[in-house]
Protein backbone atom coordinates (compact mmCIF):
# COMPACT_ATOMS: atom_id res chain seq x y z
CA MET A 1 24.66 -2.50 17.72
CA SER A 2 20.95 -3.20 17.24
CA SER A 3 18.57 -1.92 19.92
CA TRP A 4 15.35 -3.17 21.49
CA ASP A 5 13.05 -1.26 19.17
CA LEU A 6 11.66 -1.14 15.64
CA LYS A 7 12.80 2.37 14.74
CA GLU A 8 13.11 3.00 11.00
CA LYS A 9 11.27 -0.25 10.28
CA ARG A 10 8.41 -0.21 7.79
CA ALA A 11 5.88 -2.94 8.46
CA LEU A 12 2.73 -4.40 6.93
CA ILE A 13 0.34 -6.06 9.38
CA THR A 14 -2.71 -7.84 7.98
CA GLY A 15 -5.93 -8.09 9.96
CA GLY A 16 -4.97 -5.09 12.05
CA THR A 17 -8.27 -3.67 13.34
CA LYS A 18 -9.03 -5.98 16.26
CA GLY A 19 -7.66 -8.62 18.61
CA ILE A 20 -4.08 -9.74 18.14
CA GLY A 21 -3.68 -7.76 14.91
CA LYS A 22 -4.57 -4.44 16.50
CA ALA A 23 -2.29 -5.24 19.45
CA ILE A 24 0.57 -5.88 17.01
CA VAL A 25 -0.08 -2.54 15.29
CA ASN A 26 0.00 -0.83 18.69
CA GLU A 27 3.20 -2.61 19.76
CA PHE A 28 5.04 -1.85 16.52
CA LEU A 29 4.05 1.81 16.58
CA GLY A 30 5.11 2.12 20.21
CA LEU A 31 8.51 0.68 19.33
CA GLY A 32 9.05 3.23 16.56
CA ALA A 33 7.92 1.46 13.40
CA GLU A 34 5.95 2.99 10.55
CA VAL A 35 2.96 0.75 9.93
CA VAL A 36 0.42 0.00 7.24
CA PHE A 37 -2.35 -2.37 8.31
CA THR A 38 -5.21 -4.04 6.49
CA ALA A 39 -8.73 -5.27 7.13
CA ARG A 40 -11.76 -5.96 4.98
CA HIS A 41 -14.20 -3.42 6.41
CA ALA A 42 -13.66 0.22 5.47
CA ALA A 43 -15.33 1.67 8.56
CA GLU A 44 -13.14 -0.37 10.91
CA VAL A 45 -9.98 0.53 8.99
CA ALA A 46 -10.82 4.23 9.11
CA ALA A 47 -11.64 4.12 12.83
CA VAL A 48 -8.41 2.38 13.82
CA GLU A 49 -6.28 4.59 11.58
CA ARG A 50 -7.89 7.67 13.13
CA GLU A 51 -7.37 6.31 16.66
CA PHE A 52 -3.63 5.82 16.20
CA ARG A 53 -3.12 9.00 14.18
CA GLN A 54 -4.66 11.03 16.98
CA MET A 55 -1.84 9.69 19.15
CA GLY A 56 0.67 11.00 16.60
CA PHE A 57 1.73 7.67 15.12
CA PRO A 58 2.79 7.16 11.46
CA VAL A 59 0.09 4.66 10.54
CA TYR A 60 -1.90 3.95 7.39
CA GLY A 61 -4.95 1.75 6.89
CA VAL A 62 -5.70 -0.01 3.61
CA VAL A 63 -8.96 -1.83 2.94
CA ALA A 64 -7.90 -5.21 1.59
CA ASP A 65 -8.85 -8.89 1.71
CA VAL A 66 -5.66 -10.98 1.64
CA ALA A 67 -7.61 -13.83 0.03
CA LEU A 68 -8.17 -11.74 -3.12
CA ASP A 69 -5.44 -11.34 -5.73
CA PRO A 70 -6.44 -7.77 -6.75
CA ASP A 71 -6.21 -6.68 -3.11
CA ARG A 72 -2.77 -8.24 -2.71
CA LYS A 73 -1.62 -6.38 -5.81
CA LYS A 74 -3.09 -3.18 -4.36
CA LEU A 75 -0.88 -3.65 -1.29
CA LEU A 76 2.15 -4.25 -3.48
CA GLU A 77 1.47 -1.03 -5.39
CA TRP A 78 0.83 0.98 -2.20
CA ILE A 79 4.06 -0.15 -0.52
CA ASN A 80 6.09 0.28 -3.69
CA GLN A 81 4.82 3.84 -4.19
CA GLN A 82 5.00 4.94 -0.55
CA TRP A 83 8.14 3.18 0.67
CA GLY A 84 9.80 1.28 -2.17
CA LEU A 85 10.69 -1.52 0.26
CA LEU A 86 9.32 -3.55 3.16
CA ASP A 87 11.16 -4.44 6.37
CA VAL A 88 8.53 -6.51 8.14
CA LEU A 89 5.51 -8.53 6.99
CA VAL A 90 3.14 -9.89 9.64
CA ASN A 91 0.59 -12.32 8.22
CA ASN A 92 -2.06 -12.12 10.91
CA ALA A 93 -5.39 -12.01 9.03
CA GLY A 94 -7.50 -15.02 9.88
CA MET A 95 -10.99 -16.42 10.43
CA ASN A 96 -12.62 -19.65 11.46
CA ILE A 97 -15.76 -21.72 11.00
CA ARG A 98 -16.16 -24.43 13.67
CA LYS A 99 -17.93 -27.57 12.44
CA ARG A 100 -17.48 -31.31 12.21
CA VAL A 101 -15.64 -32.35 9.06
CA ALA A 102 -18.73 -33.85 7.41
CA ASP A 103 -20.75 -30.68 8.02
CA TYR A 104 -18.57 -28.21 6.09
CA THR A 105 -19.65 -27.07 2.68
CA GLU A 106 -16.85 -26.81 0.16
CA ALA A 107 -17.25 -23.04 0.12
CA GLU A 108 -16.84 -22.87 3.92
CA TYR A 109 -13.65 -24.90 4.24
CA ARG A 110 -12.12 -23.26 1.20
CA GLN A 111 -12.82 -19.84 2.71
CA VAL A 112 -10.92 -20.74 5.89
CA LEU A 113 -7.97 -22.07 3.89
CA GLU A 114 -7.96 -19.09 1.51
CA VAL A 115 -7.86 -16.51 4.30
CA ASP A 116 -5.70 -18.31 6.87
CA LEU A 117 -3.13 -20.01 4.63
CA ILE A 118 -3.33 -19.28 0.90
CA GLY A 119 -3.58 -15.53 1.47
CA ALA A 120 -0.38 -15.54 3.54
CA PHE A 121 1.42 -17.75 1.01
CA GLU A 122 0.44 -15.50 -1.88
CA LEU A 123 1.25 -12.30 0.02
CA CYS A 124 4.74 -13.61 0.78
CA ARG A 125 5.25 -14.30 -2.93
CA THR A 126 3.76 -10.97 -3.96
CA LEU A 127 5.95 -8.93 -1.60
CA GLN A 128 9.18 -10.92 -1.86
CA SER A 129 10.91 -8.33 -4.05
CA LEU A 130 10.07 -5.52 -1.61
CA LEU A 131 11.28 -7.60 1.35
CA GLN A 132 14.55 -8.17 -0.48
CA GLN A 133 14.96 -4.40 -0.59
CA GLY A 134 14.24 -4.12 3.13
CA HIS A 135 16.69 -3.69 5.97
CA SER A 136 17.23 -7.02 7.77
CA ALA A 137 13.78 -8.05 6.56
CA SER A 138 11.57 -10.34 8.58
CA VAL A 139 8.30 -12.21 8.07
CA VAL A 140 6.23 -13.33 11.06
CA ASN A 141 3.30 -15.65 10.40
CA ILE A 142 0.62 -15.88 13.07
CA SER A 143 -0.29 -19.53 13.47
CA SER A 144 -1.81 -21.20 16.54
CA VAL A 145 -1.22 -24.04 18.97
CA ALA A 146 -4.06 -25.59 16.92
CA GLY A 147 -1.50 -25.99 14.13
CA SER A 148 0.38 -28.54 16.26
CA PHE A 149 -2.34 -30.08 18.47
CA ASP A 150 -6.04 -30.78 18.00
CA LEU A 151 -7.95 -28.15 19.98
CA PHE A 152 -11.41 -28.88 18.53
CA THR A 153 -11.19 -25.70 16.46
CA GLY A 154 -12.34 -27.38 13.26
CA ALA A 155 -10.16 -29.26 10.79
CA PRO A 156 -9.67 -26.49 8.17
CA TYR A 157 -8.39 -24.03 10.80
CA GLY A 158 -5.89 -26.54 12.18
CA MET A 159 -4.84 -27.50 8.65
CA ALA A 160 -4.23 -23.85 7.73
CA LYS A 161 -2.29 -23.06 10.89
CA ALA A 162 -0.12 -26.17 10.49
CA GLY A 163 0.51 -25.06 6.93
CA LEU A 164 1.73 -21.65 8.13
CA ILE A 165 4.29 -23.30 10.41
CA GLN A 166 5.64 -25.38 7.54
CA LEU A 167 5.58 -22.39 5.17
CA SER A 168 7.75 -20.47 7.64
CA ARG A 169 10.24 -23.33 7.90
CA HIS A 170 10.48 -23.63 4.14
CA LEU A 171 10.87 -19.91 3.48
CA ALA A 172 13.42 -19.58 6.28
CA VAL A 173 15.66 -21.91 4.27
CA GLU A 174 14.78 -20.68 0.78
CA TRP A 175 15.04 -16.97 1.62
CA ALA A 176 18.06 -17.11 3.94
CA ARG A 177 20.34 -16.11 1.07
CA PHE A 178 18.61 -12.74 0.56
CA PRO A 179 18.59 -12.60 3.68
CA ILE A 180 14.98 -12.61 4.89
CA ARG A 181 14.15 -14.24 8.21
CA VAL A 182 10.82 -16.08 8.53
CA ASN A 183 9.30 -17.20 11.83
CA THR A 184 5.96 -18.21 13.31
CA VAL A 185 4.16 -17.21 16.49
CA SER A 186 1.58 -19.71 17.76
CA PRO A 187 -0.76 -18.33 20.39
CA TRP A 188 -2.81 -20.42 22.81
CA PHE A 189 -6.34 -19.22 23.60
CA THR A 190 -6.22 -15.42 23.63
CA GLU A 191 -8.85 -12.91 24.69
CA THR A 192 -10.00 -11.82 21.23
CA PRO A 193 -13.31 -11.59 19.33
CA LEU A 194 -12.41 -14.80 17.45
CA VAL A 195 -12.65 -16.94 20.60
CA GLU A 196 -15.11 -14.83 22.59
CA ARG A 197 -17.96 -17.34 22.35
CA THR A 198 -15.67 -20.25 23.20
CA LEU A 199 -14.42 -18.53 26.35
CA ALA A 200 -17.96 -17.50 27.32
CA ASP A 201 -18.91 -21.17 27.76
CA ALA A 202 -18.07 -22.10 31.37
CA ARG A 203 -17.13 -25.69 30.52
CA ASN A 204 -14.85 -24.63 27.69
CA SER A 205 -13.27 -21.93 29.81
CA GLU A 206 -12.53 -24.31 32.68
CA ALA A 207 -11.07 -26.91 30.32
CA ILE A 208 -8.78 -24.29 28.78
CA LEU A 209 -7.65 -22.89 32.13
CA SER A 210 -7.05 -26.35 33.60
CA SER A 211 -4.76 -27.11 30.62
CA THR A 212 -2.81 -23.89 31.09
CA PRO A 213 -0.13 -23.87 33.83
CA LEU A 214 -0.43 -20.07 34.20
CA ARG A 215 -4.19 -20.56 34.73
CA ARG A 216 -5.32 -17.77 32.43
CA VAL A 217 -5.74 -17.04 28.72
CA ALA A 218 -3.32 -14.70 26.93
CA GLN A 219 -3.86 -11.01 26.36
CA PRO A 220 -3.34 -9.80 22.76
CA SER A 221 -0.50 -7.54 23.93
CA GLU A 222 1.44 -10.60 25.16
CA VAL A 223 1.28 -12.18 21.71
CA ALA A 224 2.19 -8.85 20.09
CA ALA A 225 5.34 -8.60 22.22
CA ALA A 226 6.57 -11.93 20.87
CA VAL A 227 5.90 -10.83 17.29
CA ALA A 228 7.78 -7.57 17.86
CA PHE A 229 10.81 -9.41 19.22
CA LEU A 230 11.03 -11.68 16.17
CA ALA A 231 10.76 -8.61 13.91
CA MET A 232 13.62 -6.83 15.67
CA ASP A 233 17.22 -6.93 14.54
CA LYS A 234 17.93 -8.33 18.03
CA ALA A 235 16.46 -11.59 16.72
CA SER A 236 18.85 -11.60 13.75
CA TYR A 237 19.92 -15.25 14.22
CA ILE A 238 16.42 -16.64 14.70
CA THR A 239 14.70 -18.00 11.60
CA GLY A 240 12.49 -21.00 10.86
CA HIS A 241 11.32 -21.02 14.49
CA ASN A 242 7.80 -21.53 15.84
CA LEU A 243 7.38 -19.62 19.09
CA SER A 244 4.43 -20.79 21.19
CA VAL A 245 2.87 -18.09 23.37
CA ASP A 246 0.83 -20.46 25.47
CA GLY A 247 1.21 -19.98 29.22
CA GLY A 248 2.95 -23.37 29.37
CA ALA A 249 0.06 -25.27 27.80
CA THR A 250 2.07 -27.20 25.22
CA SER A 251 4.52 -28.33 27.91
CA GLY A 252 1.60 -30.19 29.45
CA LEU A 253 0.26 -31.42 26.12
CA LEU A 254 3.57 -32.96 25.04
């Protein structure tokens, strides 16, 4: 019988030094997983790795940009050498540039798409063979309610997050024979550095809260709990699903 934990699971979590990503690292480690996480800035990676290691957790930080092919190959080599397999992949790395459509430069909108969508797509392809060697392997892609509804987050961000939802649906079918489960978690507004300025604006904050039945934004740990559940063997019959962690917001938007 499977249990409510992630013991003996080996997981890669991208964008793991702050916000939702760091909360996912913390949740996975607390549930018994061995974790490697990534971020682009060496100092941040070192600081977070040191923080968790001081608590006695089996955690490793790798400096990597998921939008760059050499960095994705570096992750493949690291996991292959250290573990030889991968049980869980969490594609969490993301960024945003908020502008009107006509105001984006090509470099700006391509950057959002490369980090938020293409990087996850390529990392799935790169690590497929290691996931096939994993034990009840699972992929969880971190999308957003902005992938299903327009939240004035900027078109490229919404496009990328919608793409992640569809990528998960497709891979859930294509990879079921291996078997590898693939799901999506779509947070509503969450207290993270990415939305700090948005929440600091009183008008924005009130509009968000008034659209949320629970009358508050999410904490990163609440999103992390949903990701951990989908990664567990307890979720063994759940694949191709998009789980909204939204305080009831999408029930009111529908």
